[in-house]
Amino acid sequence: MRGRGDEAIVRGRTGGPLRSLLSVVGAAIVLVALGAGPAAAQEDGTSADRDQIVLTGELLIAAGDTVDTAVILDGPARVEGTVRETLVVLNGDAEISGTVQEDVVVLNGAVVVRSGAEIGGDLVTQSTPEVEEGATVRGDRTNVITRFDFDFAGGFAGRIWWWVAYSVSVLILGLLLLAFAPRLFPAVREAATDGIGSSIGWGFGLFFLLPIGSVLLLITLVGIPLGIFTLLALAFLYTVGYVVAIIGLGSRLLRTTQSRFVAFLGGWVVLRLLALIPFVGGWLWFLGSVWGLGLLAVAIRRGHAGDSAAPPQPMPPMPVGVA
């Protein structure tokens, strides 16, 4: 049994849990689209070289069982046997008392690594994992947001390249939105001024409910195409939210300007410079996407409410002498 000193050992392979996560989720979507059942069948007392994919319920890798990749979209996971590749839990708790030879990625849930368990790769979680004495984690223990921000593009040069590319993309997208939707700026400015609380609430709801709703659509036969399209569009939707947050921030910083483009550029400069700060950039992207989605939702709701609450137009007076 290895002690806690072995937990600092980092494997020498390229890639990362984000790449593994994307490939695993992609494989899960393909299997669902082809009509795979909620879970692969398990045979008592035997092991098989296969993937174990569960849509909703519980993922159990019993002692003595061996699978390749293990994925559960909604529900807890318990690994007592062996996972040859990556374990991914999208929405649920994870308890590991066996072996996972590569990465463990838990996006929304608590993680417990029991004594005697072994993880050959990284342990990537949203919350702080509980690693008992005697457990072995050979890779790094990282946060999901931190890993998304830094591990996606390796090294300092890669991060700078990604920052430049994303900054230019956000700038172009923002200018296009303001050019083709001129009414967006006053609506967002109003929401950012007197609708901060409601926009934050709507933003958190949309940010987390969009992927959950997409997964639930995959369970239904008629909703599979919409669920796949929504999952593929999540990155773009979150970026739109980030752009709207830049517009809202710029309108707050430059309150006297009437130019929507000047306000957007002001917010863009501030947020993109702050994105260069290690760790802060990832959190600002997350919070910006949340707030921007909420601002957009509040602006749309207010627009519809204003349209429905418009007073009826009075009828023109009848001409004199007309019966």
C-alpha atoms as a PDB file:
ATOM      1  CA  MET A   1       0.000   0.000   0.000  1.00  0.00           C
ATOM      2  CA  ARG A   2       1.381   3.388  -0.920  1.00  0.00           C
ATOM      3  CA  GLY A   3       1.367   6.314   1.465  1.00  0.00           C
ATOM      4  CA  ARG A   4       0.319   9.892   0.949  1.00  0.00           C
ATOM      5  CA  GLY A   5       3.800  10.761  -0.307  1.00  0.00           C
ATOM      6  CA  ASP A   6       2.959   9.000  -3.543  1.00  0.00           C
ATOM      7  CA  GLU A   7       0.108  11.427  -4.186  1.00  0.00           C
ATOM      8  CA  ALA A   8       2.480  14.060  -5.554  1.00  0.00           C
ATOM      9  CA  ILE A   9       3.708  11.835  -8.384  1.00  0.00           C
ATOM     10  CA  VAL A  10       2.687  13.375 -11.720  1.00  0.00           C
ATOM     11  CA  ARG A  11       2.397  11.176 -14.749  1.00  0.00           C
ATOM     12  CA  GLY A  12       4.425  12.143 -17.790  1.00  0.00           C
ATOM     13  CA  ARG A  13       1.840  12.080 -20.537  1.00  0.00           C
ATOM     14  CA  THR A  14       0.305  14.816 -22.613  1.00  0.00           C
ATOM     15  CA  GLY A  15      -3.310  15.745 -22.946  1.00  0.00           C
ATOM     16  CA  GLY A  16      -5.391  16.286 -19.830  1.00  0.00           C
ATOM     17  CA  PRO A  17      -8.790  15.549 -18.356  1.00  0.00           C
ATOM     18  CA  LEU A  18     -10.486  18.165 -20.509  1.00  0.00           C
ATOM     19  CA  ARG A  19      -9.545  16.282 -23.659  1.00  0.00           C
ATOM     20  CA  SER A  20     -10.577  13.005 -22.024  1.00  0.00           C
ATOM     21  CA  LEU A  21     -13.842  14.562 -20.900  1.00  0.00           C
ATOM     22  CA  LEU A  22     -14.689  15.810 -24.380  1.00  0.00           C
ATOM     23  CA  SER A  23     -13.920  12.467 -25.966  1.00  0.00           C
ATOM     24  CA  VAL A  24     -15.871  10.549 -23.330  1.00  0.00           C
ATOM     25  CA  VAL A  25     -18.951  12.782 -23.536  1.00  0.00           C
ATOM     26  CA  GLY A  26     -18.779  12.601 -27.319  1.00  0.00           C
ATOM     27  CA  ALA A  27     -18.700   8.836 -27.164  1.00  0.00           C
ATOM     28  CA  ALA A  28     -21.648   8.852 -24.778  1.00  0.00           C
ATOM     29  CA  ILE A  29     -23.694  11.043 -27.119  1.00  0.00           C
ATOM     30  CA  VAL A  30     -22.931   8.793 -30.083  1.00  0.00           C
ATOM     31  CA  LEU A  31     -23.971   5.699 -28.141  1.00  0.00           C
ATOM     32  CA  VAL A  32     -27.203   7.327 -27.034  1.00  0.00           C
ATOM     33  CA  ALA A  33     -27.953   8.463 -30.575  1.00  0.00           C
ATOM     34  CA  LEU A  34     -27.458   4.914 -31.798  1.00  0.00           C
ATOM     35  CA  GLY A  35     -29.986   3.668 -29.279  1.00  0.00           C
ATOM     36  CA  ALA A  36     -27.801   2.403 -26.473  1.00  0.00           C
ATOM     37  CA  GLY A  37     -29.614   1.471 -23.300  1.00  0.00           C
ATOM     38  CA  PRO A  38     -29.346   3.368 -20.039  1.00  0.00           C
ATOM     39  CA  ALA A  39     -26.403   1.246 -18.958  1.00  0.00           C
ATOM     40  CA  ALA A  40     -24.250  -1.529 -20.307  1.00  0.00           C
ATOM     41  CA  ALA A  41     -25.169  -4.919 -18.992  1.00  0.00           C
ATOM     42  CA  GLN A  42     -23.037  -6.289 -16.158  1.00  0.00           C
ATOM     43  CA  GLU A  43     -22.298  -9.965 -15.690  1.00  0.00           C
ATOM     44  CA  ASP A  44     -21.867 -11.244 -12.157  1.00  0.00           C
ATOM     45  CA  GLY A  45     -18.398 -12.476 -11.326  1.00  0.00           C
ATOM     46  CA  THR A  46     -16.870 -11.672 -14.686  1.00  0.00           C
ATOM     47  CA  SER A  47     -14.906  -8.809 -16.185  1.00  0.00           C
ATOM     48  CA  ALA A  48     -15.152  -7.452 -19.689  1.00  0.00           C
ATOM     49  CA  ASP A  49     -13.341  -4.915 -21.826  1.00  0.00           C
ATOM     50  CA  ARG A  50     -16.101  -2.415 -22.398  1.00  0.00           C
ATOM     51  CA  ASP A  51     -17.308   1.096 -21.676  1.00  0.00           C
ATOM     52  CA  GLN A  52     -19.789   1.619 -18.868  1.00  0.00           C
ATOM     53  CA  ILE A  53     -22.169   4.506 -19.668  1.00  0.00           C
ATOM     54  CA  VAL A  54     -25.176   5.403 -17.503  1.00  0.00           C
ATOM     55  CA  LEU A  55     -27.597   8.216 -18.346  1.00  0.00           C
ATOM     56  CA  THR A  56     -29.364   8.457 -14.989  1.00  0.00           C
ATOM     57  CA  GLY A  57     -29.379   6.260 -11.902  1.00  0.00           C
ATOM     58  CA  GLU A  58     -26.251   4.784 -10.315  1.00  0.00           C
ATOM     59  CA  LEU A  59     -22.942   3.712 -11.798  1.00  0.00           C
ATOM     60  CA  LEU A  60     -21.436   0.750  -9.951  1.00  0.00           C
ATOM     61  CA  ILE A  61     -18.158  -0.940 -10.857  1.00  0.00           C
ATOM     62  CA  ALA A  62     -18.236  -3.883  -8.479  1.00  0.00           C
ATOM     63  CA  ALA A  63     -15.146  -5.449  -6.968  1.00  0.00           C
ATOM     64  CA  GLY A  64     -13.572  -7.796  -9.514  1.00  0.00           C
ATOM     65  CA  ASP A  65     -15.151  -6.040 -12.510  1.00  0.00           C
ATOM     66  CA  THR A  66     -13.029  -4.199 -15.093  1.00  0.00           C
ATOM     67  CA  VAL A  67     -14.324  -1.655 -17.617  1.00  0.00           C
ATOM     68  CA  ASP A  68     -12.641   0.722 -20.047  1.00  0.00           C
ATOM     69  CA  THR A  69     -14.260   4.145 -19.694  1.00  0.00           C
ATOM     70  CA  ALA A  70     -16.924   4.841 -17.057  1.00  0.00           C
ATOM     71  CA  VAL A  71     -19.392   7.723 -17.527  1.00  0.00           C
ATOM     72  CA  ILE A  72     -22.541   8.723 -15.667  1.00  0.00           C
ATOM     73  CA  LEU A  73     -24.504  11.819 -16.673  1.00  0.00           C
ATOM     74  CA  ASP A  74     -26.828  12.128 -13.674  1.00  0.00           C
ATOM     75  CA  GLY A  75     -26.383  10.156 -10.456  1.00  0.00           C
ATOM     76  CA  PRO A  76     -23.726   8.815  -8.075  1.00  0.00           C
ATOM     77  CA  ALA A  77     -20.788   6.623  -9.041  1.00  0.00           C
ATOM     78  CA  ARG A  78     -19.082   3.955  -6.940  1.00  0.00           C
ATOM     79  CA  VAL A  79     -15.906   2.290  -8.153  1.00  0.00           C
ATOM     80  CA  GLU A  80     -14.862  -0.816  -6.259  1.00  0.00           C
ATOM     81  CA  GLY A  81     -13.274  -2.589  -9.239  1.00  0.00           C
ATOM     82  CA  THR A  82     -11.048  -1.255 -12.018  1.00  0.00           C
ATOM     83  CA  VAL A  83     -11.549   1.449 -14.647  1.00  0.00           C
ATOM     84  CA  ARG A  84      -8.824   1.182 -17.297  1.00  0.00           C
ATOM     85  CA  GLU A  85      -9.290   4.705 -18.663  1.00  0.00           C
ATOM     86  CA  THR A  86     -11.218   7.757 -17.420  1.00  0.00           C
ATOM     87  CA  LEU A  87     -14.056   8.074 -14.915  1.00  0.00           C
ATOM     88  CA  VAL A  88     -16.432  10.987 -15.643  1.00  0.00           C
ATOM     89  CA  VAL A  89     -19.310  12.017 -13.368  1.00  0.00           C
ATOM     90  CA  LEU A  90     -21.267  15.010 -14.683  1.00  0.00           C
ATOM     91  CA  ASN A  91     -23.849  15.462 -11.924  1.00  0.00           C
ATOM     92  CA  GLY A  92     -23.463  13.286  -8.845  1.00  0.00           C
ATOM     93  CA  ASP A  93     -21.170  12.135  -6.053  1.00  0.00           C
ATOM     94  CA  ALA A  94     -18.257   9.757  -6.620  1.00  0.00           C
ATOM     95  CA  GLU A  95     -16.775   7.201  -4.220  1.00  0.00           C
ATOM     96  CA  ILE A  96     -13.617   5.382  -5.298  1.00  0.00           C
ATOM     97  CA  SER A  97     -12.285   2.431  -3.375  1.00  0.00           C
ATOM     98  CA  GLY A  98     -10.839   0.546  -6.363  1.00  0.00           C
ATOM     99  CA  THR A  99      -8.586   1.658  -9.221  1.00  0.00           C
ATOM    100  CA  VAL A 100      -8.965   4.256 -11.959  1.00  0.00           C
ATOM    101  CA  GLN A 101      -5.904   4.045 -14.197  1.00  0.00           C
ATOM    102  CA  GLU A 102      -6.330   7.471 -15.825  1.00  0.00           C
ATOM    103  CA  ASP A 103      -8.239  10.655 -14.856  1.00  0.00           C
ATOM    104  CA  VAL A 104     -11.200  11.154 -12.541  1.00  0.00           C
ATOM    105  CA  VAL A 105     -13.408  14.114 -13.555  1.00  0.00           C
ATOM    106  CA  VAL A 106     -16.381  15.091 -11.361  1.00  0.00           C
ATOM    107  CA  LEU A 107     -18.127  18.257 -12.487  1.00  0.00           C
ATOM    108  CA  ASN A 108     -20.875  18.632  -9.877  1.00  0.00           C
ATOM    109  CA  GLY A 109     -20.683  16.477  -6.773  1.00  0.00           C
ATOM    110  CA  ALA A 110     -18.655  15.374  -3.766  1.00  0.00           C
ATOM    111  CA  VAL A 111     -15.674  13.052  -4.216  1.00  0.00           C
ATOM    112  CA  VAL A 112     -14.333  10.525  -1.710  1.00  0.00           C
ATOM    113  CA  VAL A 113     -11.184   8.493  -2.427  1.00  0.00           C
ATOM    114  CA  ARG A 114     -11.000   5.654   0.099  1.00  0.00           C
ATOM    115  CA  SER A 115      -7.858   4.248   1.679  1.00  0.00           C
ATOM    116  CA  GLY A 116      -6.222   1.764  -0.683  1.00  0.00           C
ATOM    117  CA  ALA A 117      -7.776   3.295  -3.788  1.00  0.00           C
ATOM    118  CA  GLU A 118      -5.518   4.341  -6.661  1.00  0.00           C
ATOM    119  CA  ILE A 119      -5.972   7.021  -9.331  1.00  0.00           C
ATOM    120  CA  GLY A 120      -3.337   6.893 -12.049  1.00  0.00           C
ATOM    121  CA  GLY A 121      -4.097  10.329 -13.523  1.00  0.00           C
ATOM    122  CA  ASP A 122      -5.469  13.665 -12.368  1.00  0.00           C
ATOM    123  CA  LEU A 123      -8.290  14.216  -9.897  1.00  0.00           C
ATOM    124  CA  VAL A 124     -10.367  17.087 -11.344  1.00  0.00           C
ATOM    125  CA  THR A 125     -13.314  18.220  -9.233  1.00  0.00           C
ATOM    126  CA  GLN A 126     -15.514  21.236  -8.618  1.00  0.00           C
ATOM    127  CA  SER A 127     -15.453  20.862  -4.811  1.00  0.00           C
ATOM    128  CA  THR A 128     -12.577  19.889  -2.527  1.00  0.00           C
ATOM    129  CA  PRO A 129     -12.170  16.087  -2.655  1.00  0.00           C
ATOM    130  CA  GLU A 130     -11.800  13.904   0.433  1.00  0.00           C
ATOM    131  CA  VAL A 131      -8.709  11.722   0.028  1.00  0.00           C
ATOM    132  CA  GLU A 132      -8.214   9.297   2.884  1.00  0.00           C
ATOM    133  CA  GLU A 133      -4.868   8.234   4.319  1.00  0.00           C
ATOM    134  CA  GLY A 134      -3.429   5.438   2.204  1.00  0.00           C
ATOM    135  CA  ALA A 135      -5.086   6.500  -1.047  1.00  0.00           C
ATOM    136  CA  THR A 136      -2.888   7.234  -4.063  1.00  0.00           C
ATOM    137  CA  VAL A 137      -3.418  10.026  -6.587  1.00  0.00           C
ATOM    138  CA  ARG A 138      -0.543   9.972  -9.063  1.00  0.00           C
ATOM    139  CA  GLY A 139      -1.520  13.094 -10.960  1.00  0.00           C
ATOM    140  CA  ASP A 140      -2.593  16.566  -9.904  1.00  0.00           C
ATOM    141  CA  ARG A 141      -5.607  17.610  -7.883  1.00  0.00           C
ATOM    142  CA  THR A 142      -7.114  20.523  -9.745  1.00  0.00           C
ATOM    143  CA  ASN A 143     -10.334  22.508  -9.932  1.00  0.00           C
ATOM    144  CA  VAL A 144     -12.555  22.226 -13.005  1.00  0.00           C
ATOM    145  CA  ILE A 145     -12.494  25.979 -13.707  1.00  0.00           C
ATOM    146  CA  THR A 146      -8.723  26.257 -13.183  1.00  0.00           C
ATOM    147  CA  ARG A 147      -8.087  23.304 -15.485  1.00  0.00           C
ATOM    148  CA  PHE A 148     -10.383  24.688 -18.169  1.00  0.00           C
ATOM    149  CA  ASP A 149      -8.598  28.031 -18.055  1.00  0.00           C
ATOM    150  CA  PHE A 150      -4.987  26.828 -18.039  1.00  0.00           C
ATOM    151  CA  ASP A 151      -4.627  23.189 -18.964  1.00  0.00           C
ATOM    152  CA  PHE A 152      -6.495  23.565 -22.264  1.00  0.00           C
ATOM    153  CA  ALA A 153      -3.517  25.378 -23.772  1.00  0.00           C
ATOM    154  CA  GLY A 154      -0.244  24.158 -22.311  1.00  0.00           C
ATOM    155  CA  GLY A 155       2.499  26.517 -21.248  1.00  0.00           C
ATOM    156  CA  PHE A 156       2.825  30.288 -21.068  1.00  0.00           C
ATOM    157  CA  ALA A 157       3.016  30.770 -24.837  1.00  0.00           C
ATOM    158  CA  GLY A 158      -0.096  28.658 -25.333  1.00  0.00           C
ATOM    159  CA  ARG A 159      -2.030  30.681 -22.760  1.00  0.00           C
ATOM    160  CA  ILE A 160      -1.014  33.950 -24.404  1.00  0.00           C
ATOM    161  CA  TRP A 161      -2.069  32.624 -27.807  1.00  0.00           C
ATOM    162  CA  TRP A 162      -5.415  31.497 -26.409  1.00  0.00           C
ATOM    163  CA  TRP A 163      -5.913  34.873 -24.676  1.00  0.00           C
ATOM    164  CA  VAL A 164      -5.261  36.783 -27.906  1.00  0.00           C
ATOM    165  CA  ALA A 165      -7.457  34.491 -30.008  1.00  0.00           C
ATOM    166  CA  TYR A 166     -10.339  34.541 -27.537  1.00  0.00           C
ATOM    167  CA  SER A 167     -10.075  38.319 -27.057  1.00  0.00           C
ATOM    168  CA  VAL A 168     -10.289  38.925 -30.810  1.00  0.00           C
ATOM    169  CA  SER A 169     -13.189  36.475 -31.153  1.00  0.00           C
ATOM    170  CA  VAL A 170     -15.111  38.153 -28.333  1.00  0.00           C
ATOM    171  CA  LEU A 171     -14.430  41.581 -29.850  1.00  0.00           C
ATOM    172  CA  ILE A 172     -15.756  40.537 -33.266  1.00  0.00           C
ATOM    173  CA  LEU A 173     -18.817  38.818 -31.790  1.00  0.00           C
ATOM    174  CA  GLY A 174     -19.628  41.848 -29.641  1.00  0.00           C
ATOM    175  CA  LEU A 175     -19.330  44.307 -32.513  1.00  0.00           C
ATOM    176  CA  LEU A 176     -21.557  42.117 -34.683  1.00  0.00           C
ATOM    177  CA  LEU A 177     -24.209  41.866 -31.960  1.00  0.00           C
ATOM    178  CA  LEU A 178     -24.241  45.623 -31.435  1.00  0.00           C
ATOM    179  CA  ALA A 179     -24.324  46.323 -35.174  1.00  0.00           C
ATOM    180  CA  PHE A 180     -27.183  43.969 -36.020  1.00  0.00           C
ATOM    181  CA  ALA A 181     -29.114  44.351 -32.745  1.00  0.00           C
ATOM    182  CA  PRO A 182     -28.905  48.052 -31.827  1.00  0.00           C
ATOM    183  CA  ARG A 183     -31.701  47.726 -29.250  1.00  0.00           C
ATOM    184  CA  LEU A 184     -29.585  45.241 -27.283  1.00  0.00           C
ATOM    185  CA  PHE A 185     -27.415  47.936 -25.694  1.00  0.00           C
ATOM    186  CA  PRO A 186     -30.165  50.031 -24.023  1.00  0.00           C
ATOM    187  CA  ALA A 187     -31.928  46.874 -22.841  1.00  0.00           C
ATOM    188  CA  VAL A 188     -28.733  45.454 -21.310  1.00  0.00           C
ATOM    189  CA  ARG A 189     -27.791  48.834 -19.814  1.00  0.00           C
ATOM    190  CA  GLU A 190     -31.192  49.043 -18.099  1.00  0.00           C
ATOM    191  CA  ALA A 191     -30.931  45.473 -16.797  1.00  0.00           C
ATOM    192  CA  ALA A 192     -27.386  46.088 -15.528  1.00  0.00           C
ATOM    193  CA  THR A 193     -28.572  49.198 -13.678  1.00  0.00           C
ATOM    194  CA  ASP A 194     -31.737  48.137 -11.871  1.00  0.00           C
ATOM    195  CA  GLY A 195     -31.917  44.374 -12.432  1.00  0.00           C
ATOM    196  CA  ILE A 196     -28.644  43.082 -10.986  1.00  0.00           C
ATOM    197  CA  GLY A 197     -30.225  40.672  -8.513  1.00  0.00           C
ATOM    198  CA  SER A 198     -32.647  39.112 -10.972  1.00  0.00           C
ATOM    199  CA  SER A 199     -29.979  38.887 -13.676  1.00  0.00           C
ATOM    200  CA  ILE A 200     -27.628  36.989 -11.348  1.00  0.00           C
ATOM    201  CA  GLY A 201     -30.406  34.563 -10.422  1.00  0.00           C
ATOM    202  CA  TRP A 202     -31.434  33.997 -14.023  1.00  0.00           C
ATOM    203  CA  GLY A 203     -27.789  33.647 -15.028  1.00  0.00           C
ATOM    204  CA  PHE A 204     -26.955  30.875 -12.559  1.00  0.00           C
ATOM    205  CA  GLY A 205     -30.143  29.064 -13.502  1.00  0.00           C
ATOM    206  CA  LEU A 206     -29.426  29.186 -17.231  1.00  0.00           C
ATOM    207  CA  PHE A 207     -25.726  28.364 -16.881  1.00  0.00           C
ATOM    208  CA  PHE A 208     -26.383  25.106 -15.031  1.00  0.00           C
ATOM    209  CA  LEU A 209     -29.823  24.175 -16.352  1.00  0.00           C
ATOM    210  CA  LEU A 210     -28.814  24.325 -20.027  1.00  0.00           C
ATOM    211  CA  PRO A 211     -26.435  21.317 -19.839  1.00  0.00           C
ATOM    212  CA  ILE A 212     -28.743  19.447 -17.455  1.00  0.00           C
ATOM    213  CA  GLY A 213     -31.702  20.027 -19.756  1.00  0.00           C
ATOM    214  CA  SER A 214     -29.650  18.872 -22.724  1.00  0.00           C
ATOM    215  CA  VAL A 215     -28.779  15.630 -20.935  1.00  0.00           C
ATOM    216  CA  LEU A 216     -32.434  15.074 -20.017  1.00  0.00           C
ATOM    217  CA  LEU A 217     -33.396  15.565 -23.669  1.00  0.00           C
ATOM    218  CA  LEU A 218     -30.970  12.786 -24.606  1.00  0.00           C
ATOM    219  CA  ILE A 219     -33.017  10.375 -22.523  1.00  0.00           C
ATOM    220  CA  THR A 220     -36.121  10.929 -24.653  1.00  0.00           C
ATOM    221  CA  LEU A 221     -36.238   9.560 -28.174  1.00  0.00           C
ATOM    222  CA  VAL A 222     -37.647  12.681 -29.843  1.00  0.00           C
ATOM    223  CA  GLY A 223     -35.381  15.031 -27.877  1.00  0.00           C
ATOM    224  CA  ILE A 224     -32.057  13.449 -28.833  1.00  0.00           C
ATOM    225  CA  PRO A 225     -31.291  15.799 -31.782  1.00  0.00           C
ATOM    226  CA  LEU A 226     -32.139  18.925 -29.766  1.00  0.00           C
ATOM    227  CA  GLY A 227     -30.106  17.671 -26.821  1.00  0.00           C
ATOM    228  CA  ILE A 228     -27.067  17.023 -29.020  1.00  0.00           C
ATOM    229  CA  PHE A 229     -27.348  20.415 -30.726  1.00  0.00           C
ATOM    230  CA  THR A 230     -27.690  22.202 -27.371  1.00  0.00           C
ATOM    231  CA  LEU A 231     -24.639  20.439 -25.928  1.00  0.00           C
ATOM    232  CA  LEU A 232     -22.608  21.371 -28.994  1.00  0.00           C
ATOM    233  CA  ALA A 233     -23.809  24.987 -28.735  1.00  0.00           C
ATOM    234  CA  LEU A 234     -23.012  25.443 -25.029  1.00  0.00           C
ATOM    235  CA  ALA A 235     -19.575  26.995 -25.633  1.00  0.00           C
ATOM    236  CA  PHE A 236     -21.084  29.540 -28.025  1.00  0.00           C
ATOM    237  CA  LEU A 237     -23.993  30.321 -25.674  1.00  0.00           C
ATOM    238  CA  TYR A 238     -21.615  30.868 -22.762  1.00  0.00           C
ATOM    239  CA  THR A 239     -19.468  33.134 -24.941  1.00  0.00           C
ATOM    240  CA  VAL A 240     -22.538  35.158 -25.905  1.00  0.00           C
ATOM    241  CA  GLY A 241     -23.230  35.535 -22.190  1.00  0.00           C
ATOM    242  CA  TYR A 242     -19.657  36.701 -21.648  1.00  0.00           C
ATOM    243  CA  VAL A 243     -20.034  39.285 -24.432  1.00  0.00           C
ATOM    244  CA  VAL A 244     -23.294  40.575 -22.951  1.00  0.00           C
ATOM    245  CA  ALA A 245     -21.545  40.871 -19.570  1.00  0.00           C
ATOM    246  CA  ILE A 246     -18.873  43.013 -21.247  1.00  0.00           C
ATOM    247  CA  ILE A 247     -21.625  45.266 -22.603  1.00  0.00           C
ATOM    248  CA  GLY A 248     -23.184  45.497 -19.142  1.00  0.00           C
ATOM    249  CA  LEU A 249     -19.847  46.251 -17.482  1.00  0.00           C
ATOM    250  CA  GLY A 250     -18.987  48.884 -20.074  1.00  0.00           C
ATOM    251  CA  SER A 251     -22.347  50.578 -19.637  1.00  0.00           C
ATOM    252  CA  ARG A 252     -21.733  50.727 -15.886  1.00  0.00           C
ATOM    253  CA  LEU A 253     -18.182  52.063 -16.208  1.00  0.00           C
ATOM    254  CA  LEU A 254     -18.971  54.616 -18.914  1.00  0.00           C
ATOM    255  CA  ARG A 255     -22.388  55.815 -17.831  1.00  0.00           C
ATOM    256  CA  THR A 256     -22.223  59.130 -19.644  1.00  0.00           C
ATOM    257  CA  THR A 257     -21.459  57.758 -23.105  1.00  0.00           C
ATOM    258  CA  GLN A 258     -24.297  57.236 -25.549  1.00  0.00           C
ATOM    259  CA  SER A 259     -22.207  55.145 -27.936  1.00  0.00           C
ATOM    260  CA  ARG A 260     -22.827  51.451 -27.536  1.00  0.00           C
ATOM    261  CA  PHE A 261     -19.530  50.682 -29.250  1.00  0.00           C
ATOM    262  CA  VAL A 262     -17.476  52.881 -26.905  1.00  0.00           C
ATOM    263  CA  ALA A 263     -19.128  51.302 -23.856  1.00  0.00           C
ATOM    264  CA  PHE A 264     -18.486  47.803 -25.205  1.00  0.00           C
ATOM    265  CA  LEU A 265     -14.817  48.570 -25.946  1.00  0.00           C
ATOM    266  CA  GLY A 266     -14.364  49.958 -22.424  1.00  0.00           C
ATOM    267  CA  GLY A 267     -15.738  46.818 -20.826  1.00  0.00           C
ATOM    268  CA  TRP A 268     -13.793  44.623 -23.242  1.00  0.00           C
ATOM    269  CA  VAL A 269     -10.458  46.253 -22.350  1.00  0.00           C
ATOM    270  CA  VAL A 270     -11.064  45.882 -18.601  1.00  0.00           C
ATOM    271  CA  LEU A 271     -12.217  42.259 -18.623  1.00  0.00           C
ATOM    272  CA  ARG A 272      -9.641  41.017 -21.104  1.00  0.00           C
ATOM    273  CA  LEU A 273      -6.775  42.635 -19.169  1.00  0.00           C
ATOM    274  CA  LEU A 274      -8.029  41.064 -15.938  1.00  0.00           C
ATOM    275  CA  ALA A 275      -8.184  37.715 -17.764  1.00  0.00           C
ATOM    276  CA  LEU A 276      -4.379  37.737 -17.890  1.00  0.00           C
ATOM    277  CA  ILE A 277      -4.183  37.317 -14.102  1.00  0.00           C
ATOM    278  CA  PRO A 278      -3.643  33.634 -13.198  1.00  0.00           C
ATOM    279  CA  PHE A 279      -6.696  31.920 -11.724  1.00  0.00           C
ATOM    280  CA  VAL A 280      -8.681  35.198 -11.762  1.00  0.00           C
ATOM    281  CA  GLY A 281      -9.254  34.893 -15.509  1.00  0.00           C
ATOM    282  CA  GLY A 282     -11.122  31.611 -15.212  1.00  0.00           C
ATOM    283  CA  TRP A 283     -13.382  32.851 -12.448  1.00  0.00           C
ATOM    284  CA  LEU A 284     -14.108  36.102 -14.303  1.00  0.00           C
ATOM    285  CA  TRP A 285     -15.057  34.132 -17.413  1.00  0.00           C
ATOM    286  CA  PHE A 286     -17.412  31.965 -15.366  1.00  0.00           C
ATOM    287  CA  LEU A 287     -18.996  34.894 -13.503  1.00  0.00           C
ATOM    288  CA  GLY A 288     -19.182  36.958 -16.692  1.00  0.00           C
ATOM    289  CA  SER A 289     -20.938  34.188 -18.591  1.00  0.00           C
ATOM    290  CA  VAL A 290     -23.406  33.711 -15.730  1.00  0.00           C
ATOM    291  CA  TRP A 291     -24.171  37.432 -15.403  1.00  0.00           C
ATOM    292  CA  GLY A 292     -24.380  37.940 -19.168  1.00  0.00           C
ATOM    293  CA  LEU A 293     -26.883  35.115 -19.624  1.00  0.00           C
ATOM    294  CA  GLY A 294     -28.937  36.615 -16.825  1.00  0.00           C
ATOM    295  CA  LEU A 295     -28.777  40.114 -18.312  1.00  0.00           C
ATOM    296  CA  LEU A 296     -29.941  38.745 -21.642  1.00  0.00           C
ATOM    297  CA  ALA A 297     -32.821  36.867 -20.024  1.00  0.00           C
ATOM    298  CA  VAL A 298     -33.941  39.928 -18.038  1.00  0.00           C
ATOM    299  CA  ALA A 299     -33.706  42.170 -21.121  1.00  0.00           C
ATOM    300  CA  ILE A 300     -35.802  39.752 -23.188  1.00  0.00           C
ATOM    301  CA  ARG A 301     -38.425  39.353 -20.455  1.00  0.00           C
ATOM    302  CA  ARG A 302     -38.722  43.104 -20.008  1.00  0.00           C
ATOM    303  CA  GLY A 303     -39.042  43.590 -23.743  1.00  0.00           C
ATOM    304  CA  HIS A 304     -41.914  41.094 -23.956  1.00  0.00           C
ATOM    305  CA  ALA A 305     -43.566  42.579 -20.866  1.00  0.00           C
ATOM    306  CA  GLY A 306     -43.319  46.053 -22.353  1.00  0.00           C
ATOM    307  CA  ASP A 307     -44.891  44.872 -25.581  1.00  0.00           C
ATOM    308  CA  SER A 308     -47.753  43.134 -23.783  1.00  0.00           C
ATOM    309  CA  ALA A 309     -48.341  46.064 -21.431  1.00  0.00           C
ATOM    310  CA  ALA A 310     -48.546  48.676 -24.191  1.00  0.00           C
ATOM    311  CA  PRO A 311     -51.808  50.620 -23.876  1.00  0.00           C
ATOM    312  CA  PRO A 312     -54.304  50.171 -26.696  1.00  0.00           C
ATOM    313  CA  GLN A 313     -54.377  52.928 -29.267  1.00  0.00           C
ATOM    314  CA  PRO A 314     -57.506  55.093 -29.150  1.00  0.00           C
ATOM    315  CA  MET A 315     -59.769  54.888 -32.155  1.00  0.00           C
ATOM    316  CA  PRO A 316     -59.768  57.971 -34.366  1.00  0.00           C
ATOM    317  CA  PRO A 317     -62.817  60.228 -34.003  1.00  0.00           C
ATOM    318  CA  MET A 318     -65.636  59.705 -36.437  1.00  0.00           C
ATOM    319  CA  PRO A 319     -65.929  62.445 -39.080  1.00  0.00           C
ATOM    320  CA  VAL A 320     -68.807  64.854 -38.547  1.00  0.00           C
ATOM    321  CA  GLY A 321     -71.833  64.037 -40.597  1.00  0.00           C
ATOM    322  CA  VAL A 322     -71.016  60.393 -41.088  1.00  0.00           C
ATOM    323  CA  ALA A 323     -73.813  58.092 -39.990  1.00  0.00           C
END
